[in-house]
Amino acid sequence: VNRGLFIALFRYILTIGERGCYRSALEYCKLLLSLNYEDDPLTVLLMIDRYAIYSRQYDFLIDLYDCLNGSRNLYLLPNFGLSIPLARKLAGENPEKRDKSKMSVDESLQDSLIMFPGFVTRLLKHTSIGGIRNLEKSVLFGKEVLISESDSLGCLLSLYVARMHPLWSSPNILPWLEKNIQIVLI
Protein backbone atom coordinates (compact mmCIF):
# COMPACT_ATOMS: atom_id res chain seq x y z
CA VAL A 1 0.00 0.00 0.00
CA ASN A 2 1.17 3.51 -0.77
CA ARG A 3 3.30 5.07 2.00
CA GLY A 4 1.98 8.54 1.15
CA LEU A 5 -1.59 7.36 1.68
CA PHE A 6 -0.71 6.02 5.12
CA ILE A 7 0.93 9.26 6.17
CA ALA A 8 -1.89 11.42 4.78
CA LEU A 9 -4.51 9.37 6.63
CA PHE A 10 -2.46 9.44 9.82
CA ARG A 11 -2.09 13.22 9.72
CA TYR A 12 -5.79 13.59 8.96
CA ILE A 13 -6.63 11.43 11.97
CA LEU A 14 -4.50 13.67 14.19
CA THR A 15 -6.06 16.83 12.74
CA ILE A 16 -9.67 15.77 13.17
CA GLY A 17 -8.89 14.31 16.58
CA GLU A 18 -7.49 17.66 17.73
CA ARG A 19 -10.72 19.30 16.58
CA GLY A 20 -12.81 16.98 18.71
CA CYS A 21 -14.19 14.82 15.89
CA TYR A 22 -13.45 11.64 17.80
CA ARG A 23 -15.90 9.36 16.02
CA SER A 24 -14.52 10.36 12.61
CA ALA A 25 -10.97 9.88 13.89
CA LEU A 26 -11.96 6.42 15.13
CA GLU A 27 -13.40 5.48 11.74
CA TYR A 28 -10.23 6.60 9.98
CA CYS A 29 -8.18 4.62 12.51
CA LYS A 30 -10.21 1.55 11.59
CA LEU A 31 -9.56 2.23 7.91
CA LEU A 32 -5.84 2.73 8.42
CA LEU A 33 -5.59 -0.39 10.56
CA SER A 34 -7.48 -2.43 7.96
CA LEU A 35 -5.00 -1.43 5.24
CA ASN A 36 -2.13 -3.16 7.03
CA TYR A 37 -3.44 -5.07 10.02
CA GLU A 38 -0.33 -7.24 10.48
CA ASP A 39 2.35 -4.56 10.63
CA ASP A 40 0.41 -1.47 11.75
CA PRO A 41 3.27 0.74 10.47
CA LEU A 42 1.97 3.97 12.05
CA THR A 43 0.96 2.30 15.33
CA VAL A 44 -2.73 3.09 15.09
CA LEU A 45 -3.23 0.69 18.01
CA LEU A 46 -1.57 3.27 20.27
CA MET A 47 -4.32 5.82 19.63
CA ILE A 48 -7.45 3.92 18.64
CA ASP A 49 -8.44 3.43 22.28
CA ARG A 50 -8.56 7.18 22.89
CA TYR A 51 -10.87 7.83 19.98
CA ALA A 52 -13.07 4.85 20.84
CA ILE A 53 -13.52 5.99 24.44
CA TYR A 54 -14.03 9.66 23.62
CA SER A 55 -16.63 8.72 20.98
CA ARG A 56 -18.30 6.32 23.46
CA GLN A 57 -17.65 3.25 21.33
CA TYR A 58 -16.82 1.12 24.35
CA ASP A 59 -18.09 -2.16 22.93
CA PHE A 60 -16.00 -1.73 19.78
CA LEU A 61 -12.86 -1.21 21.85
CA ILE A 62 -13.58 -4.20 24.08
CA ASP A 63 -14.32 -6.39 21.04
CA LEU A 64 -11.14 -5.21 19.29
CA TYR A 65 -9.14 -6.06 22.39
CA ASP A 66 -10.74 -9.49 22.73
CA CYS A 67 -10.10 -10.20 19.04
CA LEU A 68 -6.47 -9.05 18.85
CA ASN A 69 -5.14 -9.69 22.35
CA GLY A 70 -4.38 -13.35 21.72
CA SER A 71 -2.22 -12.68 18.68
CA ARG A 72 -0.84 -9.22 19.49
CA ASN A 73 -0.55 -9.29 23.32
CA LEU A 74 -2.33 -5.96 23.63
CA TYR A 75 -2.40 -6.25 27.42
CA LEU A 76 1.31 -5.33 27.34
CA LEU A 77 0.51 -1.89 25.90
CA PRO A 78 -0.32 0.62 28.65
CA ASN A 79 -3.06 2.24 26.59
CA PHE A 80 -4.97 -1.04 26.26
CA GLY A 81 -4.10 -2.25 29.75
CA LEU A 82 -5.64 0.90 31.22
CA SER A 83 -8.30 1.77 28.64
CA ILE A 84 -10.04 -1.60 28.64
CA PRO A 85 -11.01 -1.41 32.34
CA LEU A 86 -11.99 2.23 31.77
CA ALA A 87 -14.16 1.30 28.77
CA ARG A 88 -15.77 -1.53 30.71
CA LYS A 89 -16.52 0.84 33.59
CA LEU A 90 -17.91 3.55 31.31
CA ALA A 91 -20.00 0.98 29.45
CA GLY A 92 -21.59 0.19 32.80
CA GLU A 93 -20.62 -3.45 32.84
CA ASN A 94 -22.97 -5.33 35.09
CA PRO A 95 -21.10 -7.68 37.46
CA GLU A 96 -23.99 -10.17 37.42
CA LYS A 97 -24.04 -10.39 33.61
CA ARG A 98 -20.29 -10.60 33.05
CA ASP A 99 -18.61 -13.69 31.72
CA LYS A 100 -17.34 -15.68 34.71
CA SER A 101 -14.12 -16.47 32.81
CA LYS A 102 -13.25 -12.76 32.68
CA MET A 103 -11.91 -10.70 35.54
CA SER A 104 -14.16 -8.09 37.08
CA VAL A 105 -13.65 -4.48 36.05
CA ASP A 106 -12.00 -3.79 39.41
CA GLU A 107 -9.65 -6.77 39.16
CA SER A 108 -8.73 -5.76 35.63
CA LEU A 109 -7.87 -2.22 36.73
CA GLN A 110 -5.91 -3.50 39.73
CA ASP A 111 -3.81 -5.74 37.47
CA SER A 112 -3.13 -2.78 35.18
CA LEU A 113 -2.13 -0.55 38.10
CA ILE A 114 0.36 -3.18 39.25
CA MET A 115 1.66 -3.70 35.73
CA PHE A 116 1.94 0.05 34.96
CA PRO A 117 2.55 1.83 38.29
CA GLY A 118 4.05 4.83 36.49
CA PHE A 119 0.52 5.69 35.35
CA VAL A 120 -0.51 6.79 38.84
CA THR A 121 2.67 8.80 39.35
CA ARG A 122 2.10 10.65 36.07
CA LEU A 123 -1.63 11.13 36.70
CA LEU A 124 -0.81 12.86 40.00
CA LYS A 125 0.69 15.71 37.96
CA HIS A 126 -2.76 16.40 36.47
CA THR A 127 -5.08 15.67 39.37
CA SER A 128 -5.04 15.08 43.08
CA ILE A 129 -6.01 11.67 44.30
CA GLY A 130 -7.66 12.32 47.63
CA GLY A 131 -8.07 10.02 50.55
CA ILE A 132 -4.82 8.17 49.98
CA ARG A 133 -2.01 9.21 52.26
CA ASN A 134 1.65 9.14 51.25
CA LEU A 135 0.96 7.85 47.76
CA GLU A 136 4.16 9.39 46.43
CA LYS A 137 6.13 7.66 49.19
CA SER A 138 4.71 4.20 48.52
CA VAL A 139 6.95 1.50 47.09
CA LEU A 140 4.60 0.79 44.19
CA PHE A 141 3.64 4.32 43.14
CA GLY A 142 6.54 6.40 44.42
CA LYS A 143 8.92 8.45 42.33
CA GLU A 144 11.39 5.53 42.26
CA VAL A 145 9.03 3.87 39.77
CA LEU A 146 9.85 6.53 37.19
CA ILE A 147 13.55 5.82 37.57
CA SER A 148 13.24 2.04 37.32
CA GLU A 149 10.93 1.82 34.28
CA SER A 150 12.27 1.65 30.73
CA ASP A 151 12.38 4.78 28.59
CA SER A 152 9.94 3.34 26.05
CA LEU A 153 7.38 2.42 28.72
CA GLY A 154 7.78 5.85 30.28
CA CYS A 155 7.14 7.48 26.92
CA LEU A 156 4.01 5.37 26.29
CA LEU A 157 2.66 6.14 29.76
CA SER A 158 3.35 9.87 29.40
CA LEU A 159 1.53 9.94 26.06
CA TYR A 160 -1.39 8.00 27.51
CA VAL A 161 -1.77 10.25 30.55
CA ALA A 162 -1.47 13.41 28.44
CA ARG A 163 -4.32 12.20 26.22
CA MET A 164 -6.55 10.53 28.77
CA HIS A 165 -6.15 12.39 32.08
CA PRO A 166 -9.42 14.34 31.66
CA LEU A 167 -11.38 11.09 31.70
CA TRP A 168 -9.45 9.55 34.58
CA SER A 169 -9.90 12.80 36.56
CA SER A 170 -13.66 12.96 35.99
CA PRO A 171 -15.92 12.83 39.07
CA ASN A 172 -17.46 9.46 38.17
CA ILE A 173 -14.10 7.72 37.47
CA LEU A 174 -11.70 9.21 40.04
CA PRO A 175 -13.37 7.62 43.12
CA TRP A 176 -13.30 4.23 41.37
CA LEU A 177 -9.61 4.70 40.59
CA GLU A 178 -8.88 5.77 44.18
CA LYS A 179 -10.70 2.72 45.56
CA ASN A 180 -8.66 0.37 43.39
CA ILE A 181 -5.37 2.12 44.21
CA GLN A 182 -6.12 1.60 47.90
CA ILE A 183 -6.83 -2.10 47.30
CA VAL A 184 -3.55 -2.49 45.40
CA LEU A 185 -1.63 -0.76 48.20
CA ILE A 186 -2.95 -3.15 50.86
C-alpha atoms as a PDB file:
ATOM      1  CA  VAL A   1       0.000   0.000   0.000  1.00  0.00           C
ATOM      2  CA  ASN A   2       1.170   3.513  -0.774  1.00  0.00           C
ATOM      3  CA  ARG A   3       3.297   5.074   1.999  1.00  0.00           C
ATOM      4  CA  GLY A   4       1.984   8.541   1.146  1.00  0.00           C
ATOM      5  CA  LEU A   5      -1.592   7.363   1.678  1.00  0.00           C
ATOM      6  CA  PHE A   6      -0.713   6.021   5.124  1.00  0.00           C
ATOM      7  CA  ILE A   7       0.934   9.265   6.173  1.00  0.00           C
ATOM      8  CA  ALA A   8      -1.885  11.419   4.775  1.00  0.00           C
ATOM      9  CA  LEU A   9      -4.514   9.367   6.627  1.00  0.00           C
ATOM     10  CA  PHE A  10      -2.458   9.439   9.817  1.00  0.00           C
ATOM     11  CA  ARG A  11      -2.089  13.217   9.721  1.00  0.00           C
ATOM     12  CA  TYR A  12      -5.786  13.588   8.956  1.00  0.00           C
ATOM     13  CA  ILE A  13      -6.628  11.433  11.974  1.00  0.00           C
ATOM     14  CA  LEU A  14      -4.496  13.669  14.192  1.00  0.00           C
ATOM     15  CA  THR A  15      -6.057  16.829  12.741  1.00  0.00           C
ATOM     16  CA  ILE A  16      -9.673  15.770  13.166  1.00  0.00           C
ATOM     17  CA  GLY A  17      -8.885  14.309  16.583  1.00  0.00           C
ATOM     18  CA  GLU A  18      -7.491  17.660  17.729  1.00  0.00           C
ATOM     19  CA  ARG A  19     -10.717  19.304  16.576  1.00  0.00           C
ATOM     20  CA  GLY A  20     -12.808  16.984  18.713  1.00  0.00           C
ATOM     21  CA  CYS A  21     -14.189  14.820  15.893  1.00  0.00           C
ATOM     22  CA  TYR A  22     -13.448  11.644  17.803  1.00  0.00           C
ATOM     23  CA  ARG A  23     -15.898   9.362  16.021  1.00  0.00           C
ATOM     24  CA  SER A  24     -14.519  10.362  12.612  1.00  0.00           C
ATOM     25  CA  ALA A  25     -10.971   9.882  13.886  1.00  0.00           C
ATOM     26  CA  LEU A  26     -11.960   6.421  15.127  1.00  0.00           C
ATOM     27  CA  GLU A  27     -13.405   5.478  11.744  1.00  0.00           C
ATOM     28  CA  TYR A  28     -10.228   6.599   9.977  1.00  0.00           C
ATOM     29  CA  CYS A  29      -8.178   4.623  12.507  1.00  0.00           C
ATOM     30  CA  LYS A  30     -10.213   1.553  11.593  1.00  0.00           C
ATOM     31  CA  LEU A  31      -9.558   2.233   7.909  1.00  0.00           C
ATOM     32  CA  LEU A  32      -5.836   2.731   8.419  1.00  0.00           C
ATOM     33  CA  LEU A  33      -5.593  -0.387  10.560  1.00  0.00           C
ATOM     34  CA  SER A  34      -7.484  -2.427   7.960  1.00  0.00           C
ATOM     35  CA  LEU A  35      -4.999  -1.428   5.240  1.00  0.00           C
ATOM     36  CA  ASN A  36      -2.130  -3.155   7.027  1.00  0.00           C
ATOM     37  CA  TYR A  37      -3.436  -5.067  10.017  1.00  0.00           C
ATOM     38  CA  GLU A  38      -0.335  -7.241  10.483  1.00  0.00           C
ATOM     39  CA  ASP A  39       2.351  -4.558  10.629  1.00  0.00           C
ATOM     40  CA  ASP A  40       0.407  -1.468  11.753  1.00  0.00           C
ATOM     41  CA  PRO A  41       3.268   0.745  10.469  1.00  0.00           C
ATOM     42  CA  LEU A  42       1.966   3.965  12.048  1.00  0.00           C
ATOM     43  CA  THR A  43       0.956   2.299  15.334  1.00  0.00           C
ATOM     44  CA  VAL A  44      -2.731   3.089  15.094  1.00  0.00           C
ATOM     45  CA  LEU A  45      -3.225   0.693  18.008  1.00  0.00           C
ATOM     46  CA  LEU A  46      -1.574   3.268  20.267  1.00  0.00           C
ATOM     47  CA  MET A  47      -4.316   5.823  19.633  1.00  0.00           C
ATOM     48  CA  ILE A  48      -7.448   3.923  18.635  1.00  0.00           C
ATOM     49  CA  ASP A  49      -8.439   3.433  22.284  1.00  0.00           C
ATOM     50  CA  ARG A  50      -8.559   7.180  22.888  1.00  0.00           C
ATOM     51  CA  TYR A  51     -10.874   7.835  19.976  1.00  0.00           C
ATOM     52  CA  ALA A  52     -13.068   4.846  20.839  1.00  0.00           C
ATOM     53  CA  ILE A  53     -13.515   5.992  24.439  1.00  0.00           C
ATOM     54  CA  TYR A  54     -14.030   9.663  23.617  1.00  0.00           C
ATOM     55  CA  SER A  55     -16.633   8.718  20.984  1.00  0.00           C
ATOM     56  CA  ARG A  56     -18.296   6.324  23.461  1.00  0.00           C
ATOM     57  CA  GLN A  57     -17.651   3.254  21.328  1.00  0.00           C
ATOM     58  CA  TYR A  58     -16.815   1.116  24.346  1.00  0.00           C
ATOM     59  CA  ASP A  59     -18.092  -2.160  22.926  1.00  0.00           C
ATOM     60  CA  PHE A  60     -16.002  -1.727  19.780  1.00  0.00           C
ATOM     61  CA  LEU A  61     -12.857  -1.210  21.851  1.00  0.00           C
ATOM     62  CA  ILE A  62     -13.575  -4.203  24.077  1.00  0.00           C
ATOM     63  CA  ASP A  63     -14.320  -6.392  21.039  1.00  0.00           C
ATOM     64  CA  LEU A  64     -11.141  -5.209  19.287  1.00  0.00           C
ATOM     65  CA  TYR A  65      -9.136  -6.064  22.387  1.00  0.00           C
ATOM     66  CA  ASP A  66     -10.744  -9.493  22.728  1.00  0.00           C
ATOM     67  CA  CYS A  67     -10.105 -10.198  19.045  1.00  0.00           C
ATOM     68  CA  LEU A  68      -6.473  -9.046  18.852  1.00  0.00           C
ATOM     69  CA  ASN A  69      -5.138  -9.687  22.349  1.00  0.00           C
ATOM     70  CA  GLY A  70      -4.380 -13.351  21.722  1.00  0.00           C
ATOM     71  CA  SER A  71      -2.216 -12.680  18.679  1.00  0.00           C
ATOM     72  CA  ARG A  72      -0.839  -9.223  19.489  1.00  0.00           C
ATOM     73  CA  ASN A  73      -0.547  -9.294  23.319  1.00  0.00           C
ATOM     74  CA  LEU A  74      -2.333  -5.965  23.629  1.00  0.00           C
ATOM     75  CA  TYR A  75      -2.397  -6.247  27.416  1.00  0.00           C
ATOM     76  CA  LEU A  76       1.309  -5.332  27.336  1.00  0.00           C
ATOM     77  CA  LEU A  77       0.512  -1.890  25.899  1.00  0.00           C
ATOM     78  CA  PRO A  78      -0.323   0.616  28.647  1.00  0.00           C
ATOM     79  CA  ASN A  79      -3.061   2.244  26.592  1.00  0.00           C
ATOM     80  CA  PHE A  80      -4.969  -1.039  26.261  1.00  0.00           C
ATOM     81  CA  GLY A  81      -4.102  -2.249  29.747  1.00  0.00           C
ATOM     82  CA  LEU A  82      -5.642   0.900  31.220  1.00  0.00           C
ATOM     83  CA  SER A  83      -8.300   1.771  28.635  1.00  0.00           C
ATOM     84  CA  ILE A  84     -10.045  -1.600  28.637  1.00  0.00           C
ATOM     85  CA  PRO A  85     -11.009  -1.405  32.340  1.00  0.00           C
ATOM     86  CA  LEU A  86     -11.994   2.234  31.767  1.00  0.00           C
ATOM     87  CA  ALA A  87     -14.156   1.297  28.771  1.00  0.00           C
ATOM     88  CA  ARG A  88     -15.773  -1.534  30.713  1.00  0.00           C
ATOM     89  CA  LYS A  89     -16.520   0.838  33.594  1.00  0.00           C
ATOM     90  CA  LEU A  90     -17.909   3.552  31.307  1.00  0.00           C
ATOM     91  CA  ALA A  91     -20.003   0.977  29.452  1.00  0.00           C
ATOM     92  CA  GLY A  92     -21.589   0.191  32.802  1.00  0.00           C
ATOM     93  CA  GLU A  93     -20.621  -3.454  32.837  1.00  0.00           C
ATOM     94  CA  ASN A  94     -22.974  -5.326  35.092  1.00  0.00           C
ATOM     95  CA  PRO A  95     -21.096  -7.677  37.458  1.00  0.00           C
ATOM     96  CA  GLU A  96     -23.994 -10.168  37.418  1.00  0.00           C
ATOM     97  CA  LYS A  97     -24.036 -10.391  33.611  1.00  0.00           C
ATOM     98  CA  ARG A  98     -20.293 -10.595  33.053  1.00  0.00           C
ATOM     99  CA  ASP A  99     -18.611 -13.690  31.719  1.00  0.00           C
ATOM    100  CA  LYS A 100     -17.336 -15.681  34.706  1.00  0.00           C
ATOM    101  CA  SER A 101     -14.124 -16.475  32.813  1.00  0.00           C
ATOM    102  CA  LYS A 102     -13.253 -12.762  32.680  1.00  0.00           C
ATOM    103  CA  MET A 103     -11.912 -10.699  35.539  1.00  0.00           C
ATOM    104  CA  SER A 104     -14.162  -8.095  37.075  1.00  0.00           C
ATOM    105  CA  VAL A 105     -13.653  -4.479  36.055  1.00  0.00           C
ATOM    106  CA  ASP A 106     -12.002  -3.788  39.407  1.00  0.00           C
ATOM    107  CA  GLU A 107      -9.645  -6.772  39.159  1.00  0.00           C
ATOM    108  CA  SER A 108      -8.728  -5.762  35.629  1.00  0.00           C
ATOM    109  CA  LEU A 109      -7.875  -2.221  36.734  1.00  0.00           C
ATOM    110  CA  GLN A 110      -5.912  -3.496  39.728  1.00  0.00           C
ATOM    111  CA  ASP A 111      -3.813  -5.737  37.465  1.00  0.00           C
ATOM    112  CA  SER A 112      -3.134  -2.780  35.180  1.00  0.00           C
ATOM    113  CA  LEU A 113      -2.134  -0.553  38.101  1.00  0.00           C
ATOM    114  CA  ILE A 114       0.355  -3.179  39.252  1.00  0.00           C
ATOM    115  CA  MET A 115       1.662  -3.698  35.728  1.00  0.00           C
ATOM    116  CA  PHE A 116       1.940   0.049  34.961  1.00  0.00           C
ATOM    117  CA  PRO A 117       2.555   1.831  38.292  1.00  0.00           C
ATOM    118  CA  GLY A 118       4.053   4.835  36.487  1.00  0.00           C
ATOM    119  CA  PHE A 119       0.519   5.691  35.348  1.00  0.00           C
ATOM    120  CA  VAL A 120      -0.514   6.787  38.839  1.00  0.00           C
ATOM    121  CA  THR A 121       2.670   8.796  39.345  1.00  0.00           C
ATOM    122  CA  ARG A 122       2.103  10.654  36.066  1.00  0.00           C
ATOM    123  CA  LEU A 123      -1.629  11.128  36.697  1.00  0.00           C
ATOM    124  CA  LEU A 124      -0.814  12.856  39.996  1.00  0.00           C
ATOM    125  CA  LYS A 125       0.693  15.710  37.959  1.00  0.00           C
ATOM    126  CA  HIS A 126      -2.756  16.400  36.471  1.00  0.00           C
ATOM    127  CA  THR A 127      -5.083  15.670  39.367  1.00  0.00           C
ATOM    128  CA  SER A 128      -5.041  15.076  43.083  1.00  0.00           C
ATOM    129  CA  ILE A 129      -6.012  11.666  44.298  1.00  0.00           C
ATOM    130  CA  GLY A 130      -7.661  12.321  47.634  1.00  0.00           C
ATOM    131  CA  GLY A 131      -8.072  10.017  50.551  1.00  0.00           C
ATOM    132  CA  ILE A 132      -4.817   8.167  49.976  1.00  0.00           C
ATOM    133  CA  ARG A 133      -2.006   9.214  52.257  1.00  0.00           C
ATOM    134  CA  ASN A 134       1.650   9.143  51.252  1.00  0.00           C
ATOM    135  CA  LEU A 135       0.960   7.846  47.760  1.00  0.00           C
ATOM    136  CA  GLU A 136       4.163   9.387  46.425  1.00  0.00           C
ATOM    137  CA  LYS A 137       6.133   7.658  49.187  1.00  0.00           C
ATOM    138  CA  SER A 138       4.706   4.200  48.518  1.00  0.00           C
ATOM    139  CA  VAL A 139       6.955   1.505  47.091  1.00  0.00           C
ATOM    140  CA  LEU A 140       4.601   0.785  44.192  1.00  0.00           C
ATOM    141  CA  PHE A 141       3.637   4.316  43.138  1.00  0.00           C
ATOM    142  CA  GLY A 142       6.537   6.401  44.420  1.00  0.00           C
ATOM    143  CA  LYS A 143       8.922   8.454  42.329  1.00  0.00           C
ATOM    144  CA  GLU A 144      11.386   5.534  42.260  1.00  0.00           C
ATOM    145  CA  VAL A 145       9.033   3.872  39.772  1.00  0.00           C
ATOM    146  CA  LEU A 146       9.846   6.529  37.193  1.00  0.00           C
ATOM    147  CA  ILE A 147      13.551   5.822  37.567  1.00  0.00           C
ATOM    148  CA  SER A 148      13.240   2.045  37.318  1.00  0.00           C
ATOM    149  CA  GLU A 149      10.934   1.818  34.277  1.00  0.00           C
ATOM    150  CA  SER A 150      12.267   1.651  30.729  1.00  0.00           C
ATOM    151  CA  ASP A 151      12.378   4.782  28.592  1.00  0.00           C
ATOM    152  CA  SER A 152       9.937   3.345  26.052  1.00  0.00           C
ATOM    153  CA  LEU A 153       7.385   2.418  28.723  1.00  0.00           C
ATOM    154  CA  GLY A 154       7.783   5.849  30.283  1.00  0.00           C
ATOM    155  CA  CYS A 155       7.136   7.483  26.922  1.00  0.00           C
ATOM    156  CA  LEU A 156       4.015   5.371  26.285  1.00  0.00           C
ATOM    157  CA  LEU A 157       2.658   6.145  29.757  1.00  0.00           C
ATOM    158  CA  SER A 158       3.350   9.871  29.400  1.00  0.00           C
ATOM    159  CA  LEU A 159       1.531   9.941  26.062  1.00  0.00           C
ATOM    160  CA  TYR A 160      -1.392   8.002  27.507  1.00  0.00           C
ATOM    161  CA  VAL A 161      -1.770  10.247  30.549  1.00  0.00           C
ATOM    162  CA  ALA A 162      -1.475  13.408  28.439  1.00  0.00           C
ATOM    163  CA  ARG A 163      -4.322  12.205  26.218  1.00  0.00           C
ATOM    164  CA  MET A 164      -6.552  10.528  28.768  1.00  0.00           C
ATOM    165  CA  HIS A 165      -6.151  12.388  32.082  1.00  0.00           C
ATOM    166  CA  PRO A 166      -9.420  14.344  31.663  1.00  0.00           C
ATOM    167  CA  LEU A 167     -11.382  11.088  31.702  1.00  0.00           C
ATOM    168  CA  TRP A 168      -9.447   9.552  34.579  1.00  0.00           C
ATOM    169  CA  SER A 169      -9.902  12.797  36.556  1.00  0.00           C
ATOM    170  CA  SER A 170     -13.659  12.956  35.995  1.00  0.00           C
ATOM    171  CA  PRO A 171     -15.925  12.828  39.073  1.00  0.00           C
ATOM    172  CA  ASN A 172     -17.456   9.459  38.169  1.00  0.00           C
ATOM    173  CA  ILE A 173     -14.103   7.724  37.471  1.00  0.00           C
ATOM    174  CA  LEU A 174     -11.704   9.209  40.042  1.00  0.00           C
ATOM    175  CA  PRO A 175     -13.374   7.622  43.125  1.00  0.00           C
ATOM    176  CA  TRP A 176     -13.304   4.231  41.371  1.00  0.00           C
ATOM    177  CA  LEU A 177      -9.609   4.696  40.585  1.00  0.00           C
ATOM    178  CA  GLU A 178      -8.879   5.770  44.183  1.00  0.00           C
ATOM    179  CA  LYS A 179     -10.702   2.719  45.563  1.00  0.00           C
ATOM    180  CA  ASN A 180      -8.656   0.375  43.387  1.00  0.00           C
ATOM    181  CA  ILE A 181      -5.372   2.115  44.206  1.00  0.00           C
ATOM    182  CA  GLN A 182      -6.123   1.595  47.903  1.00  0.00           C
ATOM    183  CA  ILE A 183      -6.829  -2.099  47.298  1.00  0.00           C
ATOM    184  CA  VAL A 184      -3.549  -2.489  45.402  1.00  0.00           C
ATOM    185  CA  LEU A 185      -1.626  -0.760  48.201  1.00  0.00           C
ATOM    186  CA  ILE A 186      -2.949  -3.155  50.862  1.00  0.00           C
END
